[in-house]
């Protein structure tokens, strides 16, 4: 009867559904000498829990002073202000273009104008090619007319 109750408590324990009193009953059962054979593997686990509960740390823990955090907070504000000041001075001091940049912009503008002139000339040449295609169609029509005329002349002879 006791082993079925312990098995139910173990299932609830592993599902995380036990109360502190039920966990204490499990701990008492498994630390006693009257553990059923099929539940013996759990005894080592609960005995380990009891032993771990009795351990006491002898090392001294030192907590940081609250003033250290305050200094870090002020350091971060000062660093942010310094970065903002540096970026602002860089942006406002380099508003004009250097002579090299002005020359590069002038060369870019000249290159754009040359490309636009080349593009317009290519477009005009493409239009002329279109006229040549129309001329080729017309000359093929003339060939058909000549063939018709030759055929007509042979028949009439």
N, C-alpha and C. Protein backbone atom coordinates (compact mmCIF):
# COMPACT_ATOMS: atom_id res chain seq x y z
N UNK A 1 0.82 -1.19 0.00
CA UNK A 1 0.00 0.00 0.00
C UNK A 1 0.87 1.26 0.00
N UNK A 2 1.92 1.24 0.82
CA UNK A 2 2.81 2.39 0.91
C UNK A 2 3.55 2.60 -0.40
N UNK A 3 3.95 1.53 -1.10
CA UNK A 3 4.73 1.68 -2.33
C UNK A 3 3.88 2.31 -3.44
N UNK A 4 2.59 2.02 -3.50
CA UNK A 4 1.75 2.66 -4.53
C UNK A 4 1.60 4.15 -4.24
N UNK A 5 1.48 4.52 -2.97
CA UNK A 5 1.40 5.94 -2.60
C UNK A 5 2.71 6.64 -2.96
N UNK A 6 3.83 6.00 -2.69
CA UNK A 6 5.15 6.58 -3.01
C UNK A 6 5.31 6.70 -4.53
N UNK A 7 4.85 5.70 -5.28
CA UNK A 7 4.94 5.77 -6.74
C UNK A 7 4.10 6.93 -7.28
N UNK A 8 2.89 7.13 -6.73
CA UNK A 8 2.05 8.26 -7.13
C UNK A 8 2.75 9.58 -6.81
N UNK A 9 3.35 9.67 -5.61
CA UNK A 9 4.08 10.88 -5.23
C UNK A 9 5.29 11.12 -6.12
N UNK A 10 5.99 10.03 -6.50
CA UNK A 10 7.14 10.16 -7.42
C UNK A 10 6.69 10.71 -8.76
N UNK A 11 5.59 10.18 -9.31
CA UNK A 11 5.09 10.69 -10.59
C UNK A 11 4.76 12.18 -10.49
N UNK A 12 4.07 12.54 -9.40
CA UNK A 12 3.73 13.95 -9.20
C UNK A 12 4.99 14.78 -9.01
N UNK A 13 6.00 14.23 -8.33
CA UNK A 13 7.26 14.95 -8.10
C UNK A 13 7.96 15.26 -9.42
N UNK A 14 8.04 14.25 -10.29
CA UNK A 14 8.73 14.45 -11.56
C UNK A 14 7.95 15.35 -12.51
N UNK A 15 6.65 15.48 -12.30
CA UNK A 15 5.85 16.40 -13.09
C UNK A 15 5.83 17.80 -12.49
N UNK A 16 6.37 17.93 -11.27
CA UNK A 16 6.43 19.23 -10.61
C UNK A 16 5.13 19.60 -9.93
N UNK A 17 4.34 18.62 -9.52
CA UNK A 17 3.03 18.87 -8.93
C UNK A 17 2.93 18.44 -7.47
N UNK A 18 4.02 18.49 -6.71
CA UNK A 18 3.97 18.07 -5.31
C UNK A 18 4.07 19.29 -4.41
N UNK A 19 3.57 19.13 -3.21
CA UNK A 19 3.70 20.18 -2.19
C UNK A 19 4.98 19.94 -1.42
N UNK A 20 5.33 20.88 -0.58
CA UNK A 20 6.54 20.72 0.24
C UNK A 20 6.38 19.55 1.20
N UNK A 21 5.18 19.35 1.73
CA UNK A 21 4.95 18.24 2.66
C UNK A 21 5.10 16.90 1.95
N UNK A 22 4.62 16.81 0.70
CA UNK A 22 4.76 15.56 -0.07
C UNK A 22 6.22 15.30 -0.40
N UNK A 23 6.95 16.35 -0.72
CA UNK A 23 8.38 16.19 -0.99
C UNK A 23 9.12 15.75 0.28
N UNK A 24 8.72 16.26 1.42
CA UNK A 24 9.34 15.84 2.70
C UNK A 24 9.02 14.38 2.97
N UNK A 25 7.79 13.92 2.63
CA UNK A 25 7.43 12.51 2.82
C UNK A 25 8.29 11.64 1.92
N UNK A 26 8.51 12.05 0.69
CA UNK A 26 9.37 11.30 -0.24
C UNK A 26 10.80 11.24 0.30
N UNK A 27 11.30 12.37 0.78
CA UNK A 27 12.66 12.42 1.30
C UNK A 27 12.79 11.50 2.53
N UNK A 28 11.81 11.52 3.41
CA UNK A 28 11.85 10.65 4.60
C UNK A 28 11.81 9.18 4.20
N UNK A 29 10.96 8.85 3.23
CA UNK A 29 10.83 7.46 2.80
C UNK A 29 12.14 6.95 2.21
N UNK A 30 12.74 7.73 1.30
CA UNK A 30 13.93 7.26 0.58
C UNK A 30 15.19 7.33 1.44
N UNK A 31 15.19 8.09 2.50
CA UNK A 31 16.37 8.11 3.38
C UNK A 31 16.26 7.05 4.48
N UNK A 32 15.11 6.42 4.59
CA UNK A 32 14.97 5.33 5.58
C UNK A 32 15.54 4.04 4.99
N UNK A 33 15.60 3.00 5.82
CA UNK A 33 16.15 1.71 5.38
C UNK A 33 15.07 0.81 4.79
N UNK A 34 13.83 1.22 4.77
CA UNK A 34 12.73 0.37 4.33
C UNK A 34 12.25 0.76 2.93
N UNK A 35 13.14 0.86 1.96
CA UNK A 35 12.79 1.23 0.58
C UNK A 35 12.53 -0.04 -0.21
N UNK A 36 11.43 -0.07 -0.97
CA UNK A 36 11.12 -1.23 -1.81
C UNK A 36 12.21 -1.41 -2.86
N UNK A 37 12.41 -2.65 -3.29
CA UNK A 37 13.51 -2.96 -4.22
C UNK A 37 13.34 -2.24 -5.56
N UNK A 38 12.14 -2.16 -6.07
CA UNK A 38 11.96 -1.53 -7.39
C UNK A 38 12.07 0.00 -7.32
N UNK A 39 12.08 0.57 -6.10
CA UNK A 39 12.25 2.01 -5.93
C UNK A 39 13.64 2.38 -5.42
N UNK A 40 14.50 1.40 -5.26
CA UNK A 40 15.85 1.61 -4.72
C UNK A 40 16.68 2.61 -5.54
N UNK A 41 16.58 2.65 -6.88
CA UNK A 41 17.41 3.63 -7.61
C UNK A 41 17.12 5.08 -7.23
N UNK A 42 15.91 5.38 -6.77
CA UNK A 42 15.57 6.75 -6.38
C UNK A 42 16.14 7.12 -5.02
N UNK A 43 16.49 6.12 -4.21
CA UNK A 43 17.01 6.38 -2.87
C UNK A 43 18.31 7.17 -2.94
N UNK A 44 19.18 6.83 -3.89
CA UNK A 44 20.47 7.54 -4.01
C UNK A 44 20.24 9.01 -4.36
N UNK A 45 19.25 9.26 -5.19
CA UNK A 45 18.97 10.64 -5.59
C UNK A 45 18.51 11.45 -4.38
N UNK A 46 17.57 10.93 -3.60
CA UNK A 46 17.06 11.67 -2.45
C UNK A 46 18.10 11.78 -1.35
N UNK A 47 18.93 10.77 -1.17
CA UNK A 47 20.01 10.86 -0.19
C UNK A 47 21.02 11.94 -0.61
N UNK A 48 21.24 12.05 -1.92
CA UNK A 48 22.12 13.11 -2.43
C UNK A 48 21.52 14.49 -2.18
N UNK A 49 20.18 14.61 -2.31
CA UNK A 49 19.53 15.89 -2.02
C UNK A 49 19.70 16.28 -0.57
N UNK A 50 19.56 15.29 0.34
CA UNK A 50 19.71 15.57 1.77
C UNK A 50 21.14 15.99 2.07
N UNK A 51 22.10 15.31 1.47
CA UNK A 51 23.51 15.64 1.70
C UNK A 51 23.82 17.03 1.14
N UNK A 52 23.29 17.36 -0.02
CA UNK A 52 23.54 18.67 -0.61
C UNK A 52 22.90 19.77 0.23
N UNK A 53 21.79 19.46 0.86
CA UNK A 53 21.11 20.44 1.70
C UNK A 53 21.92 20.74 2.96
N UNK A 54 22.71 19.79 3.40
CA UNK A 54 23.50 19.98 4.61
C UNK A 54 24.83 20.66 4.36
N UNK A 55 25.23 20.79 3.12
CA UNK A 55 26.50 21.44 2.80
C UNK A 55 26.41 22.93 3.09
N UNK A 56 27.51 23.47 3.59
CA UNK A 56 27.59 24.89 3.93
C UNK A 56 28.86 25.44 3.29
N UNK A 57 28.74 26.55 2.66
CA UNK A 57 29.89 27.18 2.03
C UNK A 57 30.66 27.98 3.06
N UNK A 58 31.98 27.86 3.03
CA UNK A 58 32.81 28.60 3.98
C UNK A 58 33.50 29.78 3.31
N UNK A 59 33.31 29.94 2.02
CA UNK A 59 33.98 31.04 1.33
C UNK A 59 33.24 32.34 1.60
N UNK A 60 33.99 33.42 1.63
CA UNK A 60 33.43 34.72 1.92
C UNK A 60 33.04 35.39 0.61
N UNK A 61 31.85 35.92 0.57
CA UNK A 61 31.36 36.58 -0.63
C UNK A 61 31.40 38.08 -0.39
N UNK A 62 32.06 38.78 -1.31
CA UNK A 62 32.12 40.24 -1.19
C UNK A 62 31.27 40.84 -2.30
N UNK A 63 30.41 41.73 -1.91
CA UNK A 63 29.54 42.40 -2.88
C UNK A 63 30.19 43.72 -3.28
N UNK A 64 30.05 44.11 -4.54
CA UNK A 64 30.64 45.38 -4.96
C UNK A 64 29.92 46.56 -4.30
N UNK A 65 30.67 47.60 -4.11
CA UNK A 65 30.11 48.80 -3.49
C UNK A 65 29.17 49.49 -4.49
N UNK A 66 28.18 50.14 -3.99
CA UNK A 66 27.22 50.81 -4.86
C UNK A 66 27.84 52.00 -5.57
N UNK A 67 28.90 52.59 -5.04
CA UNK A 67 29.57 53.72 -5.67
C UNK A 67 30.22 53.35 -6.98
N UNK A 68 30.63 52.09 -7.13
CA UNK A 68 31.26 51.64 -8.37
C UNK A 68 30.26 51.72 -9.52
N UNK A 69 29.03 51.30 -9.26
CA UNK A 69 28.02 51.38 -10.30
C UNK A 69 27.76 52.83 -10.70
N UNK A 70 27.74 53.70 -9.74
CA UNK A 70 27.50 55.11 -10.02
C UNK A 70 28.61 55.67 -10.88
N UNK A 71 29.87 55.29 -10.60
CA UNK A 71 30.99 55.76 -11.41
C UNK A 71 30.87 55.24 -12.84
N UNK A 72 30.50 53.99 -12.99
CA UNK A 72 30.34 53.44 -14.33
C UNK A 72 29.25 54.18 -15.10
N UNK A 73 28.19 54.54 -14.40
CA UNK A 73 27.09 55.25 -15.04
C UNK A 73 27.56 56.62 -15.53
N UNK A 74 28.35 57.31 -14.71
CA UNK A 74 28.87 58.61 -15.13
C UNK A 74 29.88 58.47 -16.25
N UNK A 75 30.67 57.40 -16.23
CA UNK A 75 31.62 57.18 -17.32
C UNK A 75 30.88 56.96 -18.64
N UNK A 76 29.79 56.23 -18.61
CA UNK A 76 29.05 55.99 -19.85
C UNK A 76 28.43 57.28 -20.37
N UNK A 77 27.95 58.13 -19.48
CA UNK A 77 27.40 59.43 -19.92
C UNK A 77 28.50 60.29 -20.51
N UNK A 78 29.65 60.32 -19.87
CA UNK A 78 30.77 61.12 -20.37
C UNK A 78 31.24 60.61 -21.73
N UNK A 79 31.30 59.29 -21.90
CA UNK A 79 31.73 58.73 -23.18
C UNK A 79 30.72 59.06 -24.28
N UNK A 80 29.44 58.99 -23.97
CA UNK A 80 28.41 59.34 -24.96
C UNK A 80 28.52 60.80 -25.36
N UNK A 81 28.70 61.66 -24.39
CA UNK A 81 28.85 63.09 -24.68
C UNK A 81 30.09 63.35 -25.54
N UNK A 82 31.18 62.68 -25.24
CA UNK A 82 32.42 62.85 -26.00
C UNK A 82 32.25 62.40 -27.45
N UNK A 83 31.57 61.26 -27.66
CA UNK A 83 31.33 60.77 -29.02
C UNK A 83 30.44 61.75 -29.78
N UNK A 84 29.38 62.26 -29.13
CA UNK A 84 28.48 63.21 -29.78
C UNK A 84 29.23 64.49 -30.14
N UNK A 85 30.09 64.97 -29.26
CA UNK A 85 30.87 66.17 -29.52
C UNK A 85 31.82 65.96 -30.70
N UNK A 86 32.47 64.81 -30.75
CA UNK A 86 33.40 64.51 -31.85
C UNK A 86 32.68 64.44 -33.18
N UNK A 87 31.57 63.74 -33.22
CA UNK A 87 30.81 63.61 -34.47
C UNK A 87 30.28 64.97 -34.92
N UNK A 88 29.77 65.75 -33.96
CA UNK A 88 29.25 67.08 -34.30
C UNK A 88 30.33 67.98 -34.86
N UNK A 89 31.50 67.99 -34.25
CA UNK A 89 32.58 68.85 -34.74
C UNK A 89 33.06 68.41 -36.12
N UNK A 90 33.05 67.11 -36.38
CA UNK A 90 33.47 66.63 -37.69
C UNK A 90 32.46 67.03 -38.76
N UNK A 91 31.19 66.90 -38.45
CA UNK A 91 30.15 67.21 -39.43
C UNK A 91 30.14 68.70 -39.75
N UNK A 92 30.24 69.54 -38.74
CA UNK A 92 30.15 70.97 -38.99
C UNK A 92 31.44 71.58 -39.53
N UNK A 93 32.57 70.93 -39.37
CA UNK A 93 33.83 71.49 -39.87
C UNK A 93 34.07 71.14 -41.33
N UNK A 94 33.48 70.08 -41.86
CA UNK A 94 33.73 69.64 -43.23
C UNK A 94 32.54 69.91 -44.14
N UNK A 95 32.01 71.13 -44.09
CA UNK A 95 30.85 71.43 -44.92
C UNK A 95 31.25 71.77 -46.35
N UNK A 96 32.41 72.37 -46.60
CA UNK A 96 32.85 72.74 -47.94
C UNK A 96 33.55 71.58 -48.63
N UNK A 97 33.62 71.65 -49.95
CA UNK A 97 34.29 70.61 -50.72
C UNK A 97 35.74 71.00 -50.95
N UNK A 98 36.60 70.02 -50.96
CA UNK A 98 38.00 70.29 -51.24
C UNK A 98 38.18 70.49 -52.75
N UNK A 99 39.35 70.97 -53.16
CA UNK A 99 39.59 71.23 -54.58
C UNK A 99 39.57 69.92 -55.37
N UNK A 100 40.04 68.85 -54.80
CA UNK A 100 40.01 67.56 -55.49
C UNK A 100 38.57 67.10 -55.72
N UNK A 101 37.73 67.29 -54.71
CA UNK A 101 36.33 66.89 -54.85
C UNK A 101 35.63 67.74 -55.90
N UNK A 102 35.95 69.05 -55.96
CA UNK A 102 35.35 69.92 -56.96
C UNK A 102 35.80 69.50 -58.37
N UNK A 103 37.08 69.16 -58.52
CA UNK A 103 37.58 68.70 -59.82
C UNK A 103 36.90 67.40 -60.23
N UNK A 104 36.71 66.49 -59.27
CA UNK A 104 36.05 65.23 -59.57
C UNK A 104 34.61 65.45 -59.99
N UNK A 105 33.91 66.38 -59.35
CA UNK A 105 32.54 66.69 -59.74
C UNK A 105 32.47 67.31 -61.13
N UNK A 106 33.44 68.18 -61.47
CA UNK A 106 33.48 68.79 -62.80
C UNK A 106 33.74 67.72 -63.86
N UNK A 107 34.65 66.80 -63.58
CA UNK A 107 34.94 65.72 -64.53
C UNK A 107 33.71 64.83 -64.70
N UNK A 108 33.00 64.58 -63.65
CA UNK A 108 31.78 63.78 -63.72
C UNK A 108 30.73 64.47 -64.60
N UNK A 109 30.59 65.77 -64.44
CA UNK A 109 29.62 66.52 -65.26
C UNK A 109 30.01 66.49 -66.74
N UNK A 110 31.29 66.65 -67.03
CA UNK A 110 31.75 66.59 -68.42
C UNK A 110 31.50 65.20 -69.01
N UNK A 111 31.74 64.17 -68.21
CA UNK A 111 31.51 62.81 -68.69
C UNK A 111 30.03 62.59 -68.97
N UNK A 112 29.16 63.11 -68.12
CA UNK A 112 27.72 62.99 -68.37
C UNK A 112 27.32 63.66 -69.67
N UNK A 113 27.85 64.87 -69.91
CA UNK A 113 27.52 65.58 -71.15
C UNK A 113 28.00 64.80 -72.37
N UNK A 114 29.21 64.23 -72.29
CA UNK A 114 29.73 63.46 -73.42
C UNK A 114 28.87 62.22 -73.66
N UNK A 115 28.44 61.57 -72.62
CA UNK A 115 27.59 60.39 -72.77
C UNK A 115 26.24 60.74 -73.36
N UNK A 116 25.68 61.89 -72.96
CA UNK A 116 24.40 62.32 -73.52
C UNK A 116 24.53 62.62 -75.01
N UNK A 117 25.64 63.26 -75.42
CA UNK A 117 25.87 63.55 -76.83
C UNK A 117 26.03 62.25 -77.62
N UNK A 118 26.77 61.30 -77.07
CA UNK A 118 26.96 60.00 -77.73
C UNK A 118 25.63 59.28 -77.86
N UNK A 119 24.82 59.35 -76.82
CA UNK A 119 23.52 58.68 -76.84
C UNK A 119 22.61 59.28 -77.91
N UNK A 120 22.59 60.62 -78.02
CA UNK A 120 21.72 61.25 -79.03
C UNK A 120 22.20 60.89 -80.43
N UNK A 121 23.52 60.84 -80.65
CA UNK A 121 24.03 60.46 -81.97
C UNK A 121 23.70 59.01 -82.30
N UNK A 122 23.78 58.13 -81.30
CA UNK A 122 23.43 56.74 -81.54
C UNK A 122 21.94 56.60 -81.86
N UNK A 123 21.11 57.39 -81.19
CA UNK A 123 19.68 57.35 -81.48
C UNK A 123 19.40 57.80 -82.92
N UNK A 124 20.11 58.84 -83.39
CA UNK A 124 19.93 59.30 -84.77
C UNK A 124 20.36 58.22 -85.75
N UNK A 125 21.48 57.54 -85.45
CA UNK A 125 21.96 56.46 -86.31
C UNK A 125 20.98 55.31 -86.35
N UNK A 126 20.34 55.03 -85.25
CA UNK A 126 19.36 53.95 -85.19
C UNK A 126 18.14 54.30 -86.06
N UNK A 127 17.76 55.58 -86.06
CA UNK A 127 16.65 56.01 -86.91
C UNK A 127 17.00 55.80 -88.39
N UNK A 128 18.24 56.12 -88.76
CA UNK A 128 18.67 55.94 -90.16
C UNK A 128 18.68 54.47 -90.54
N UNK A 129 19.06 53.61 -89.62
CA UNK A 129 19.05 52.18 -89.89
C UNK A 129 17.61 51.72 -90.13
N UNK A 130 16.68 52.29 -89.38
CA UNK A 130 15.26 51.95 -89.58
C UNK A 130 14.84 52.34 -90.99
N UNK A 131 15.30 53.50 -91.49
CA UNK A 131 14.98 53.91 -92.87
C UNK A 131 15.60 52.95 -93.88
N UNK A 132 16.80 52.44 -93.57
CA UNK A 132 17.44 51.49 -94.47
C UNK A 132 16.63 50.19 -94.53
N UNK A 133 16.06 49.79 -93.40
CA UNK A 133 15.22 48.58 -93.40
C UNK A 133 14.00 48.78 -94.29
N UNK A 134 13.41 49.98 -94.25
CA UNK A 134 12.27 50.27 -95.12
C UNK A 134 12.69 50.25 -96.59
N UNK A 135 13.89 50.76 -96.87
CA UNK A 135 14.42 50.75 -98.24
C UNK A 135 14.62 49.31 -98.72
N UNK A 136 15.12 48.44 -97.81
CA UNK A 136 15.33 47.04 -98.18
C UNK A 136 13.99 46.37 -98.48
N UNK A 137 12.94 46.70 -97.75
CA UNK A 137 11.62 46.14 -98.03
C UNK A 137 11.13 46.61 -99.40
N UNK A 138 11.35 47.89 -99.66
CA UNK A 138 10.92 48.43 -100.96
C UNK A 138 11.66 47.79 -102.12
N UNK A 139 12.97 47.57 -101.94
CA UNK A 139 13.74 46.95 -103.03
C UNK A 139 13.31 45.50 -103.24
N UNK A 140 12.88 44.80 -102.17
CA UNK A 140 12.40 43.44 -102.38
C UNK A 140 11.07 43.45 -103.13
N UNK A 141 10.26 44.50 -102.87
CA UNK A 141 9.00 44.63 -103.63
C UNK A 141 9.30 44.88 -105.11
N UNK A 142 10.36 45.67 -105.37
CA UNK A 142 10.74 45.93 -106.76
C UNK A 142 11.19 44.64 -107.44
N UNK A 143 11.87 43.77 -106.73
CA UNK A 143 12.29 42.49 -107.29
C UNK A 143 11.07 41.66 -107.69
N UNK A 144 10.04 41.66 -106.84
CA UNK A 144 8.81 40.93 -107.17
C UNK A 144 8.13 41.51 -108.40
N UNK A 145 8.16 42.85 -108.49
CA UNK A 145 7.56 43.50 -109.67
C UNK A 145 8.35 43.15 -110.93
N UNK A 146 9.68 43.13 -110.82
CA UNK A 146 10.52 42.77 -111.97
C UNK A 146 10.25 41.33 -112.39
N UNK A 147 10.11 40.43 -111.43
CA UNK A 147 9.82 39.04 -111.78
C UNK A 147 8.47 38.94 -112.48
N UNK A 148 7.50 39.71 -111.98
CA UNK A 148 6.18 39.70 -112.60
C UNK A 148 6.26 40.23 -114.04
N UNK A 149 7.05 41.30 -114.21
CA UNK A 149 7.18 41.88 -115.55
C UNK A 149 7.86 40.90 -116.49
N UNK A 150 8.90 40.20 -116.05
CA UNK A 150 9.60 39.22 -116.89
C UNK A 150 8.67 38.09 -117.27
N UNK A 151 7.90 37.63 -116.31
CA UNK A 151 6.97 36.53 -116.59
C UNK A 151 5.91 36.99 -117.59
N UNK A 152 5.42 38.19 -117.43
CA UNK A 152 4.43 38.74 -118.36
C UNK A 152 5.01 38.87 -119.76
N UNK A 153 6.25 39.33 -119.85
CA UNK A 153 6.89 39.49 -121.17
C UNK A 153 7.11 38.15 -121.83
N UNK A 154 7.43 37.12 -121.14
CA UNK A 154 7.62 35.80 -121.72
C UNK A 154 6.30 35.27 -122.24
N UNK A 155 5.28 35.51 -121.50
CA UNK A 155 3.96 35.01 -121.93
C UNK A 155 3.50 35.75 -123.18
N UNK A 156 3.71 37.00 -123.23
CA UNK A 156 3.27 37.81 -124.37
C UNK A 156 4.13 37.61 -125.61
N UNK A 157 5.24 37.10 -125.56
CA UNK A 157 6.12 36.91 -126.71
C UNK A 157 5.68 35.80 -127.51
